[in-house]
N, C-alpha and C. Protein backbone atom coordinates (compact mmCIF):
# COMPACT_ATOMS: atom_id res chain seq x y z
N MET A 1 140.26 94.27 128.76
CA MET A 1 139.78 94.80 127.49
C MET A 1 139.33 93.67 126.56
N ALA A 2 140.06 92.55 126.57
CA ALA A 2 139.70 91.43 125.71
C ALA A 2 138.34 90.87 126.11
N HIS A 3 138.05 90.87 127.40
CA HIS A 3 136.77 90.37 127.88
C HIS A 3 135.62 91.23 127.33
N GLU A 4 135.76 92.54 127.35
CA GLU A 4 134.74 93.45 126.81
C GLU A 4 134.57 93.23 125.31
N HIS A 5 135.67 92.97 124.62
CA HIS A 5 135.62 92.72 123.17
C HIS A 5 134.85 91.44 122.88
N ASP A 6 135.09 90.40 123.68
CA ASP A 6 134.36 89.14 123.51
C ASP A 6 132.87 89.32 123.78
N LEU A 7 132.53 90.09 124.82
CA LEU A 7 131.13 90.36 125.12
C LEU A 7 130.46 91.12 123.97
N LEU A 8 131.17 92.08 123.42
CA LEU A 8 130.62 92.83 122.30
C LEU A 8 130.39 91.92 121.10
N LYS A 9 131.35 91.05 120.80
CA LYS A 9 131.18 90.12 119.69
C LYS A 9 129.99 89.20 119.92
N LYS A 10 129.83 88.70 121.14
CA LYS A 10 128.70 87.83 121.46
C LYS A 10 127.38 88.58 121.33
N PHE A 11 127.36 89.81 121.82
CA PHE A 11 126.16 90.62 121.71
C PHE A 11 125.79 90.87 120.25
N LEU A 12 126.77 91.22 119.42
CA LEU A 12 126.51 91.47 117.99
C LEU A 12 126.04 90.20 117.29
N ALA A 13 126.60 89.06 117.65
CA ALA A 13 126.16 87.79 117.06
C ALA A 13 124.72 87.48 117.48
N LEU A 14 124.40 87.72 118.75
CA LEU A 14 123.04 87.50 119.22
C LEU A 14 122.06 88.44 118.51
N ARG A 15 122.45 89.69 118.37
CA ARG A 15 121.59 90.65 117.68
C ARG A 15 121.34 90.21 116.24
N GLU A 16 122.36 89.70 115.58
CA GLU A 16 122.22 89.23 114.21
C GLU A 16 121.29 88.02 114.13
N ARG A 17 121.39 87.11 115.10
CA ARG A 17 120.50 85.96 115.12
C ARG A 17 119.05 86.36 115.34
N VAL A 18 118.82 87.30 116.26
CA VAL A 18 117.46 87.78 116.51
C VAL A 18 116.93 88.47 115.26
N HIS A 19 117.75 89.30 114.64
CA HIS A 19 117.33 89.99 113.41
C HIS A 19 116.96 88.97 112.33
N SER A 20 117.78 87.94 112.18
CA SER A 20 117.53 86.91 111.18
C SER A 20 116.22 86.17 111.47
N LEU A 21 115.98 85.85 112.74
CA LEU A 21 114.75 85.17 113.13
C LEU A 21 113.54 86.04 112.83
N LEU A 22 113.61 87.31 113.17
CA LEU A 22 112.49 88.21 112.89
C LEU A 22 112.28 88.36 111.39
N GLU A 23 113.34 88.45 110.65
CA GLU A 23 113.24 88.59 109.19
C GLU A 23 112.57 87.37 108.58
N ASP A 24 112.92 86.18 109.05
CA ASP A 24 112.30 84.95 108.54
C ASP A 24 110.82 84.90 108.88
N THR A 25 110.45 85.45 110.02
CA THR A 25 109.05 85.44 110.46
C THR A 25 108.23 86.47 109.70
N ILE A 26 108.79 87.63 109.47
CA ILE A 26 108.05 88.74 108.87
C ILE A 26 108.04 88.69 107.35
N SER A 27 109.04 88.14 106.73
CA SER A 27 109.13 88.14 105.26
C SER A 27 107.90 87.61 104.55
N PRO A 28 107.30 86.50 104.96
CA PRO A 28 106.09 86.03 104.25
C PRO A 28 104.94 87.03 104.32
N LEU A 29 104.92 87.85 105.35
CA LEU A 29 103.83 88.81 105.50
C LEU A 29 104.03 90.05 104.63
N ARG A 30 105.24 90.30 104.17
CA ARG A 30 105.49 91.52 103.40
C ARG A 30 104.66 91.58 102.13
N LEU A 31 104.54 90.46 101.43
CA LEU A 31 103.74 90.44 100.20
C LEU A 31 102.31 90.84 100.51
N VAL A 32 101.79 90.33 101.60
CA VAL A 32 100.42 90.64 101.98
C VAL A 32 100.31 92.10 102.42
N THR A 33 101.18 92.54 103.31
CA THR A 33 101.05 93.89 103.85
C THR A 33 101.36 94.95 102.82
N ASP A 34 102.28 94.69 101.91
CA ASP A 34 102.61 95.69 100.90
C ASP A 34 101.41 96.01 100.03
N THR A 35 100.58 95.03 99.75
CA THR A 35 99.42 95.29 98.90
C THR A 35 98.17 95.56 99.72
N ALA A 36 97.99 94.82 100.79
CA ALA A 36 96.73 94.92 101.53
C ALA A 36 96.60 96.20 102.34
N PHE A 37 97.69 96.68 102.90
CA PHE A 37 97.58 97.82 103.79
C PHE A 37 97.90 99.15 103.12
N ASN A 38 98.14 99.13 101.84
CA ASN A 38 98.38 100.37 101.12
C ASN A 38 97.16 100.81 100.32
N SER A 39 96.01 100.32 100.68
CA SER A 39 94.80 100.68 99.95
C SER A 39 94.28 102.02 100.47
N THR A 40 93.35 102.58 99.73
CA THR A 40 92.78 103.86 100.12
C THR A 40 91.61 103.69 101.07
N TRP A 41 91.10 102.49 101.22
CA TRP A 41 89.92 102.26 102.06
C TRP A 41 90.09 100.95 102.79
N SER A 42 89.93 100.98 104.09
CA SER A 42 90.00 99.76 104.90
C SER A 42 88.77 99.71 105.80
N PRO A 43 87.83 98.82 105.49
CA PRO A 43 86.62 98.75 106.30
C PRO A 43 86.91 98.16 107.67
N PRO A 44 86.12 98.53 108.68
CA PRO A 44 86.27 97.89 109.99
C PRO A 44 85.80 96.44 109.91
N ILE A 45 86.53 95.54 110.57
CA ILE A 45 86.16 94.12 110.55
C ILE A 45 86.21 93.55 111.96
N ASP A 46 85.49 92.47 112.15
CA ASP A 46 85.59 91.62 113.33
C ASP A 46 85.93 90.22 112.82
N LEU A 47 86.88 89.58 113.46
CA LEU A 47 87.28 88.22 113.08
C LEU A 47 87.33 87.40 114.36
N TYR A 48 86.55 86.32 114.40
CA TYR A 48 86.57 85.48 115.58
C TYR A 48 86.43 84.02 115.16
N GLU A 49 86.67 83.16 116.15
CA GLU A 49 86.67 81.72 115.90
C GLU A 49 85.64 81.04 116.79
N THR A 50 84.90 80.12 116.20
CA THR A 50 84.00 79.26 116.98
C THR A 50 84.62 77.87 117.00
N GLU A 51 83.92 76.91 117.54
CA GLU A 51 84.43 75.54 117.56
C GLU A 51 84.58 74.96 116.16
N LYS A 52 83.75 75.44 115.23
CA LYS A 52 83.72 74.84 113.89
C LYS A 52 84.25 75.73 112.77
N GLU A 53 84.40 77.05 113.03
CA GLU A 53 84.73 77.92 111.90
C GLU A 53 85.34 79.25 112.36
N PHE A 54 85.94 79.93 111.40
CA PHE A 54 86.34 81.31 111.59
C PHE A 54 85.25 82.18 110.98
N VAL A 55 84.93 83.27 111.64
CA VAL A 55 83.88 84.18 111.16
C VAL A 55 84.48 85.56 110.98
N LEU A 56 84.29 86.12 109.80
CA LEU A 56 84.74 87.47 109.50
C LEU A 56 83.51 88.31 109.19
N MET A 57 83.34 89.39 109.93
CA MET A 57 82.25 90.32 109.68
C MET A 57 82.89 91.66 109.33
N ALA A 58 82.43 92.26 108.23
CA ALA A 58 83.01 93.52 107.77
C ALA A 58 81.90 94.47 107.34
N GLU A 59 82.13 95.74 107.57
CA GLU A 59 81.20 96.76 107.11
C GLU A 59 81.56 97.09 105.67
N LEU A 60 80.74 96.59 104.75
CA LEU A 60 81.06 96.70 103.32
C LEU A 60 79.93 97.33 102.53
N SER A 61 79.28 98.31 103.10
CA SER A 61 78.18 98.93 102.36
C SER A 61 78.71 99.53 101.07
N GLY A 62 77.96 99.31 100.01
CA GLY A 62 78.36 99.83 98.71
C GLY A 62 79.28 98.92 97.93
N VAL A 63 79.61 97.75 98.49
CA VAL A 63 80.48 96.80 97.80
C VAL A 63 79.63 95.62 97.36
N ASN A 64 79.70 95.30 96.08
CA ASN A 64 78.98 94.13 95.56
C ASN A 64 79.70 92.85 95.96
N LYS A 65 78.94 91.81 96.23
CA LYS A 65 79.51 90.52 96.60
C LYS A 65 80.50 90.02 95.54
N GLU A 66 80.20 90.30 94.28
CA GLU A 66 81.07 89.86 93.18
C GLU A 66 82.42 90.57 93.19
N ASP A 67 82.51 91.70 93.89
CA ASP A 67 83.75 92.48 93.94
C ASP A 67 84.60 92.15 95.16
N LEU A 68 84.26 91.07 95.87
CA LEU A 68 85.00 90.66 97.07
C LEU A 68 85.85 89.43 96.78
N ASP A 69 87.00 89.37 97.45
CA ASP A 69 87.89 88.21 97.37
C ASP A 69 88.44 87.96 98.77
N LEU A 70 88.18 86.80 99.34
CA LEU A 70 88.64 86.43 100.67
C LEU A 70 89.59 85.26 100.54
N GLN A 71 90.80 85.41 101.10
CA GLN A 71 91.83 84.37 100.99
C GLN A 71 92.59 84.23 102.30
N MET A 72 93.27 83.09 102.45
CA MET A 72 94.27 82.90 103.50
C MET A 72 95.61 82.85 102.79
N VAL A 73 96.52 83.74 103.15
CA VAL A 73 97.85 83.79 102.55
C VAL A 73 98.86 83.72 103.69
N GLU A 74 99.64 82.65 103.74
CA GLU A 74 100.66 82.47 104.78
C GLU A 74 100.06 82.69 106.18
N ARG A 75 98.91 82.07 106.43
CA ARG A 75 98.23 82.13 107.72
C ARG A 75 97.72 83.52 108.07
N VAL A 76 97.50 84.35 107.04
CA VAL A 76 96.95 85.70 107.22
C VAL A 76 95.67 85.79 106.40
N VAL A 77 94.62 86.29 107.02
CA VAL A 77 93.35 86.48 106.31
C VAL A 77 93.45 87.76 105.48
N VAL A 78 93.16 87.64 104.19
CA VAL A 78 93.23 88.78 103.28
C VAL A 78 91.85 88.97 102.65
N LEU A 79 91.28 90.13 102.89
CA LEU A 79 89.98 90.48 102.30
C LEU A 79 90.23 91.62 101.33
N LYS A 80 89.91 91.38 100.07
CA LYS A 80 90.06 92.40 99.04
C LYS A 80 88.70 92.70 98.44
N GLY A 81 88.51 93.92 98.09
CA GLY A 81 87.26 94.30 97.46
C GLY A 81 87.40 95.66 96.83
N GLU A 82 86.36 96.05 96.13
CA GLU A 82 86.40 97.36 95.50
C GLU A 82 85.05 98.03 95.67
N ARG A 83 85.09 99.23 96.19
CA ARG A 83 83.89 100.06 96.27
C ARG A 83 83.97 101.05 95.13
N ARG A 84 82.99 100.99 94.26
CA ARG A 84 83.01 101.82 93.06
C ARG A 84 82.26 103.13 93.32
N SER A 85 82.60 104.14 92.52
CA SER A 85 81.90 105.42 92.61
C SER A 85 80.44 105.22 92.21
N PRO A 86 79.54 105.91 92.89
CA PRO A 86 78.14 105.81 92.50
C PRO A 86 77.95 106.30 91.06
N LYS A 87 77.06 105.63 90.36
CA LYS A 87 76.83 105.99 88.95
C LYS A 87 76.26 107.39 88.80
N ASP A 88 75.57 107.87 89.84
CA ASP A 88 74.95 109.18 89.72
C ASP A 88 75.91 110.34 89.97
N VAL A 89 77.20 110.05 90.23
CA VAL A 89 78.18 111.11 90.46
C VAL A 89 78.53 111.83 89.16
N CYS A 90 78.59 111.11 88.08
CA CYS A 90 78.96 111.70 86.80
C CYS A 90 77.96 112.78 86.41
N GLY A 91 78.46 113.93 86.07
CA GLY A 91 77.61 115.02 85.61
C GLY A 91 76.94 115.79 86.74
N GLN A 92 77.18 115.43 87.98
CA GLN A 92 76.59 116.13 89.11
C GLN A 92 77.55 117.19 89.63
N ASN A 93 77.03 118.15 90.31
CA ASN A 93 77.85 119.22 90.88
C ASN A 93 78.00 118.98 92.38
N TYR A 94 78.71 117.92 92.77
CA TYR A 94 78.88 117.58 94.17
C TYR A 94 79.79 118.59 94.85
N HIS A 95 79.50 118.90 96.09
CA HIS A 95 80.33 119.78 96.90
C HIS A 95 81.14 118.98 97.92
N ARG A 96 80.71 117.76 98.19
CA ARG A 96 81.43 116.92 99.15
C ARG A 96 81.06 115.46 98.91
N LEU A 97 82.09 114.62 98.87
CA LEU A 97 81.90 113.16 98.79
C LEU A 97 82.70 112.54 99.94
N GLU A 98 82.02 112.00 100.93
CA GLU A 98 82.70 111.44 102.09
C GLU A 98 82.77 109.91 102.07
N ARG A 99 82.05 109.29 101.18
CA ARG A 99 82.10 107.84 101.11
C ARG A 99 83.24 107.45 100.18
N PRO A 100 84.31 106.89 100.73
CA PRO A 100 85.49 106.60 99.91
C PRO A 100 85.23 105.49 98.90
N VAL A 101 86.00 105.51 97.84
CA VAL A 101 85.99 104.45 96.85
C VAL A 101 87.39 103.86 96.83
N GLY A 102 87.46 102.68 96.27
CA GLY A 102 88.79 102.08 96.18
C GLY A 102 88.72 100.60 96.41
């Protein structure tokens, strides 16, 4: 019985160490993911690397260049932007708007 108790203690200690390691790895990303992935609109992107640079291509129709912000945060690429409602929506009797804003 004592042997099983020792194994259980070792297993629980190992589980705690793994949990701690994962927590240390994931914690820096929480700030990014909490804000970046809770948006109402996420455009499709391609991100690749050449010998000289990283290239990010995103489908951003309707987004002005001035409304974009591209950063590296804790080794994570963060692209922020805002797609505004078309000016002609006000006062119109739209039945459907499928182009998201946000």
